[in-house]
């Protein structure tokens, strides 16, 4: 899954973040879909492939998953043992978006791809750490339609879990930089306001893409022990 992001003019090819990809192969390697997603970031993300997920090396975040609908994201906690907080995320989509690349783009693009609205990496981690599981809806097409469809996909699962299970949300509108999107961002903000009580963190981002259709990603973090409904 490749996304053509706008390039950071000041990056100079230096990674802004280090990522580890967990490999289930005897000799660590990543799939072409995952490689395409990492290459989308034009060198601002450095990455390594590791055989196992018990600890995080010198990287900032770890991704794990070879399932089409389920993957995990892990990052260090603040406790003395430097344990990883793992968040399993179920991907809900009517399109051919595999889980691991979908999560990589949704979590990393808001902080590490230029655009109209960006989010600090620490704020993203705060949302990921506020619950036990995640539901990620990813839909491409006209923003107004994609937003509605993604909301429907997530809501169908939240109806089973209970709306009170929502502990945070991250919405990402991948949109061509020349396309006006302020109205859609307002739509997304209202949607998150209705989904999340005022004390729960909810953030909106709009990374700029230079080719392809708009994509909308809605990640909802819940306190449910399982996001598979």
Protein backbone atom coordinates (compact mmCIF):
# COMPACT_ATOMS: atom_id res chain seq x y z
CA UNK A 1 0.00 0.00 0.00
CA UNK A 2 1.77 3.12 -1.24
CA UNK A 3 0.62 6.68 -0.61
CA UNK A 4 2.26 9.56 -2.48
CA UNK A 5 2.87 12.09 0.28
CA UNK A 6 4.12 15.61 -0.17
CA UNK A 7 7.87 15.76 0.61
CA UNK A 8 9.34 17.55 3.63
CA UNK A 9 11.73 20.06 1.96
CA UNK A 10 13.90 20.25 5.08
CA UNK A 11 14.17 16.51 5.82
CA UNK A 12 17.43 16.00 3.88
CA UNK A 13 16.75 12.28 3.87
CA UNK A 14 17.26 11.99 7.63
CA UNK A 15 14.81 9.76 9.56
CA UNK A 16 12.62 11.60 12.04
CA UNK A 17 11.52 8.36 13.74
CA UNK A 18 12.77 4.79 13.97
CA UNK A 19 10.32 1.94 13.39
CA UNK A 20 10.63 -1.81 13.96
CA UNK A 21 8.57 -4.32 11.96
CA UNK A 22 8.13 -7.73 13.57
CA UNK A 23 8.69 -10.61 11.16
CA UNK A 24 7.19 -14.08 11.56
CA UNK A 25 9.68 -15.48 9.04
CA UNK A 26 12.72 -17.42 10.20
CA UNK A 27 14.87 -14.88 8.37
CA UNK A 28 13.39 -11.42 9.10
CA UNK A 29 11.78 -9.77 6.07
CA UNK A 30 8.81 -7.54 5.28
CA UNK A 31 6.09 -7.97 2.69
CA UNK A 32 5.95 -5.83 -0.43
CA UNK A 33 2.81 -4.12 0.91
CA UNK A 34 4.56 -3.11 4.13
CA UNK A 35 7.70 -2.05 2.27
CA UNK A 36 5.60 0.15 -0.03
CA UNK A 37 3.93 1.81 2.95
CA UNK A 38 7.28 2.58 4.63
CA UNK A 39 8.77 3.90 1.39
CA UNK A 40 5.82 6.30 1.08
CA UNK A 41 7.37 8.53 3.74
CA UNK A 42 10.27 9.67 1.54
CA UNK A 43 13.06 8.82 3.99
CA UNK A 44 11.71 10.56 7.11
CA UNK A 45 10.99 7.14 8.65
CA UNK A 46 13.85 4.75 9.30
CA UNK A 47 13.01 1.12 9.95
CA UNK A 48 14.37 -2.30 10.86
CA UNK A 49 12.90 -5.78 10.67
CA UNK A 50 13.18 -7.92 13.82
CA UNK A 51 12.37 -11.59 14.58
CA UNK A 52 10.05 -11.31 17.58
CA UNK A 53 8.18 -8.70 19.59
CA UNK A 54 9.22 -9.08 23.22
CA UNK A 55 11.18 -5.84 23.36
CA UNK A 56 11.87 -2.67 21.43
CA UNK A 57 15.46 -1.84 20.50
CA UNK A 58 16.55 1.65 19.57
CA UNK A 59 13.32 2.39 17.74
CA UNK A 60 10.32 4.48 18.83
CA UNK A 61 7.45 2.23 17.76
CA UNK A 62 6.91 -1.37 16.70
CA UNK A 63 4.38 -2.89 14.30
CA UNK A 64 3.41 -6.56 14.21
CA UNK A 65 0.94 -8.48 12.08
CA UNK A 66 0.57 -10.80 9.10
CA UNK A 67 -3.23 -10.98 9.23
CA UNK A 68 -5.39 -9.18 6.65
CA UNK A 69 -7.68 -7.71 9.32
CA UNK A 70 -5.68 -7.58 12.56
CA UNK A 71 -2.30 -6.08 13.51
CA UNK A 72 -0.63 -4.61 16.58
CA UNK A 73 1.27 -1.43 17.40
CA UNK A 74 3.64 -1.26 20.36
CA UNK A 75 5.63 1.49 22.02
CA UNK A 76 7.54 1.92 25.31
CA UNK A 77 5.66 2.71 28.50
CA UNK A 78 7.01 4.94 31.25
CA UNK A 79 7.40 2.16 33.80
CA UNK A 80 10.76 1.11 35.18
CA UNK A 81 10.82 -2.12 33.14
CA UNK A 82 10.45 -0.25 29.81
CA UNK A 83 7.76 -2.74 28.79
CA UNK A 84 5.90 -2.32 25.51
CA UNK A 85 2.28 -1.26 25.46
CA UNK A 86 0.66 -3.32 22.69
CA UNK A 87 -2.56 -2.22 21.05
CA UNK A 88 -4.25 -4.79 18.79
CA UNK A 89 -6.19 -3.08 16.01
CA UNK A 90 -8.93 -4.62 13.87
CA UNK A 91 -9.24 -3.08 10.39
CA UNK A 92 -12.75 -2.55 9.03
CA UNK A 93 -12.87 -1.80 5.31
CA UNK A 94 -14.89 -2.64 2.25
CA UNK A 95 -11.77 -2.21 0.12
CA UNK A 96 -8.51 -4.14 -0.33
CA UNK A 97 -6.49 -2.49 2.42
CA UNK A 98 -4.36 -4.97 4.43
CA UNK A 99 -4.16 -4.38 8.17
CA UNK A 100 -0.48 -3.66 8.80
CA UNK A 101 0.07 -1.04 6.04
CA UNK A 102 -3.26 0.58 6.98
CA UNK A 103 -2.16 1.00 10.59
CA UNK A 104 1.31 2.23 9.61
CA UNK A 105 -0.16 5.02 7.47
CA UNK A 106 -2.85 6.00 9.98
CA UNK A 107 -0.51 6.23 12.96
CA UNK A 108 2.61 7.68 11.34
CA UNK A 109 1.27 10.06 8.66
CA UNK A 110 -0.29 12.61 11.08
CA UNK A 111 3.10 13.35 12.64
CA UNK A 112 5.56 12.51 9.85
CA UNK A 113 3.93 13.52 6.56
CA UNK A 114 3.42 17.20 5.70
CA UNK A 115 -0.10 18.50 5.30
CA UNK A 116 -2.79 20.98 6.28
CA UNK A 117 -3.14 19.65 9.83
CA UNK A 118 -0.46 17.69 11.71
CA UNK A 119 -0.35 16.11 15.16
CA UNK A 120 2.49 15.78 17.64
CA UNK A 121 3.77 12.20 17.95
CA UNK A 122 3.42 12.23 21.75
CA UNK A 123 -0.26 13.13 21.42
CA UNK A 124 -0.79 10.19 19.08
CA UNK A 125 0.86 7.86 21.60
CA UNK A 126 -1.41 9.21 24.34
CA UNK A 127 -4.46 8.15 22.32
CA UNK A 128 -3.01 4.71 21.54
CA UNK A 129 -2.23 4.10 25.22
CA UNK A 130 -5.67 5.00 26.57
CA UNK A 131 -7.34 1.67 25.80
CA UNK A 132 -6.93 -2.05 25.20
CA UNK A 133 -7.97 -2.45 21.56
CA UNK A 134 -8.54 -0.42 18.43
CA UNK A 135 -11.01 -0.35 15.55
CA UNK A 136 -9.73 1.18 12.32
CA UNK A 137 -12.03 2.00 9.40
CA UNK A 138 -10.25 2.90 6.16
CA UNK A 139 -12.23 4.08 3.13
CA UNK A 140 -11.20 5.82 -0.09
CA UNK A 141 -13.26 8.04 -2.37
CA UNK A 142 -14.96 11.40 -2.10
CA UNK A 143 -14.25 12.68 1.44
CA UNK A 144 -17.88 13.29 2.38
CA UNK A 145 -18.82 9.72 1.37
CA UNK A 146 -15.69 8.11 2.83
CA UNK A 147 -16.26 9.83 6.19
CA UNK A 148 -19.84 8.60 6.35
CA UNK A 149 -18.92 5.03 5.40
CA UNK A 150 -16.03 4.85 7.87
CA UNK A 151 -18.26 6.13 10.66
CA UNK A 152 -20.87 3.50 9.80
CA UNK A 153 -18.29 0.69 9.87
CA UNK A 154 -16.97 1.72 13.28
CA UNK A 155 -20.41 2.43 14.74
CA UNK A 156 -21.64 -1.05 13.83
CA UNK A 157 -18.93 -2.50 16.09
CA UNK A 158 -19.36 0.08 18.85
CA UNK A 159 -23.05 -0.79 19.02
CA UNK A 160 -21.94 -4.27 20.13
CA UNK A 161 -19.24 -3.03 22.51
CA UNK A 162 -21.18 -0.07 23.89
CA UNK A 163 -20.45 3.58 23.16
CA UNK A 164 -19.10 4.03 26.69
CA UNK A 165 -16.17 1.78 25.73
CA UNK A 166 -14.64 4.57 23.58
CA UNK A 167 -11.52 6.00 25.22
CA UNK A 168 -10.04 8.03 22.36
CA UNK A 169 -10.07 8.54 18.61
CA UNK A 170 -7.77 9.57 15.79
CA UNK A 171 -9.18 10.69 12.43
CA UNK A 172 -6.92 11.10 9.39
CA UNK A 173 -8.03 12.63 6.09
CA UNK A 174 -5.47 11.86 3.37
CA UNK A 175 -6.32 14.48 0.77
CA UNK A 176 -4.67 15.97 -2.36
CA UNK A 177 -3.01 19.22 -1.32
CA UNK A 178 -4.83 21.23 -3.98
CA UNK A 179 -8.25 19.97 -2.84
CA UNK A 180 -10.15 22.16 -0.33
CA UNK A 181 -11.02 20.14 2.75
CA UNK A 182 -11.90 22.59 5.54
CA UNK A 183 -15.58 21.66 5.34
CA UNK A 184 -14.74 17.97 5.61
CA UNK A 185 -12.44 18.61 8.57
CA UNK A 186 -15.31 20.35 10.28
CA UNK A 187 -17.52 17.34 9.54
CA UNK A 188 -14.92 15.03 11.09
CA UNK A 189 -14.56 17.21 14.19
CA UNK A 190 -18.31 17.08 14.79
CA UNK A 191 -18.28 13.32 14.26
CA UNK A 192 -15.55 12.84 16.87
CA UNK A 193 -17.32 15.18 19.26
CA UNK A 194 -20.40 12.97 19.09
CA UNK A 195 -18.39 9.75 19.48
CA UNK A 196 -16.09 10.82 22.32
CA UNK A 197 -17.11 12.38 25.62
CA UNK A 198 -15.41 15.72 26.24
CA UNK A 199 -12.80 14.22 28.58
CA UNK A 200 -11.62 11.66 26.01
CA UNK A 201 -8.82 12.62 23.58
CA UNK A 202 -9.86 13.03 19.95
CA UNK A 203 -7.55 14.37 17.23
CA UNK A 204 -7.93 15.18 13.52
CA UNK A 205 -5.12 15.27 10.94
CA UNK A 206 -4.93 16.03 7.21
CA UNK A 207 -1.65 14.85 5.60
CA UNK A 208 -1.20 16.01 2.00
CA UNK A 209 -1.00 13.48 -0.83
CA UNK A 210 0.08 14.26 -4.38
CA UNK A 211 -1.66 11.49 -6.29
CA UNK A 212 -4.60 9.15 -5.99
CA UNK A 213 -8.01 9.34 -4.36
CA UNK A 214 -8.67 10.81 -0.95
CA UNK A 215 -8.65 8.30 1.90
CA UNK A 216 -10.30 8.64 5.30
CA UNK A 217 -9.08 6.68 8.32
CA UNK A 218 -10.96 6.55 11.62
CA UNK A 219 -9.18 4.84 14.52
CA UNK A 220 -11.19 4.39 17.71
CA UNK A 221 -9.49 3.08 20.86
CA UNK A 222 -11.71 1.18 23.29
CA UNK A 223 -11.39 -0.39 26.72
CA UNK A 224 -12.80 -3.68 25.45
CA UNK A 225 -10.53 -6.68 25.93
CA UNK A 226 -11.28 -7.68 22.34
CA UNK A 227 -12.10 -5.57 19.29
CA UNK A 228 -13.34 -8.56 17.33
CA UNK A 229 -17.12 -8.42 17.42
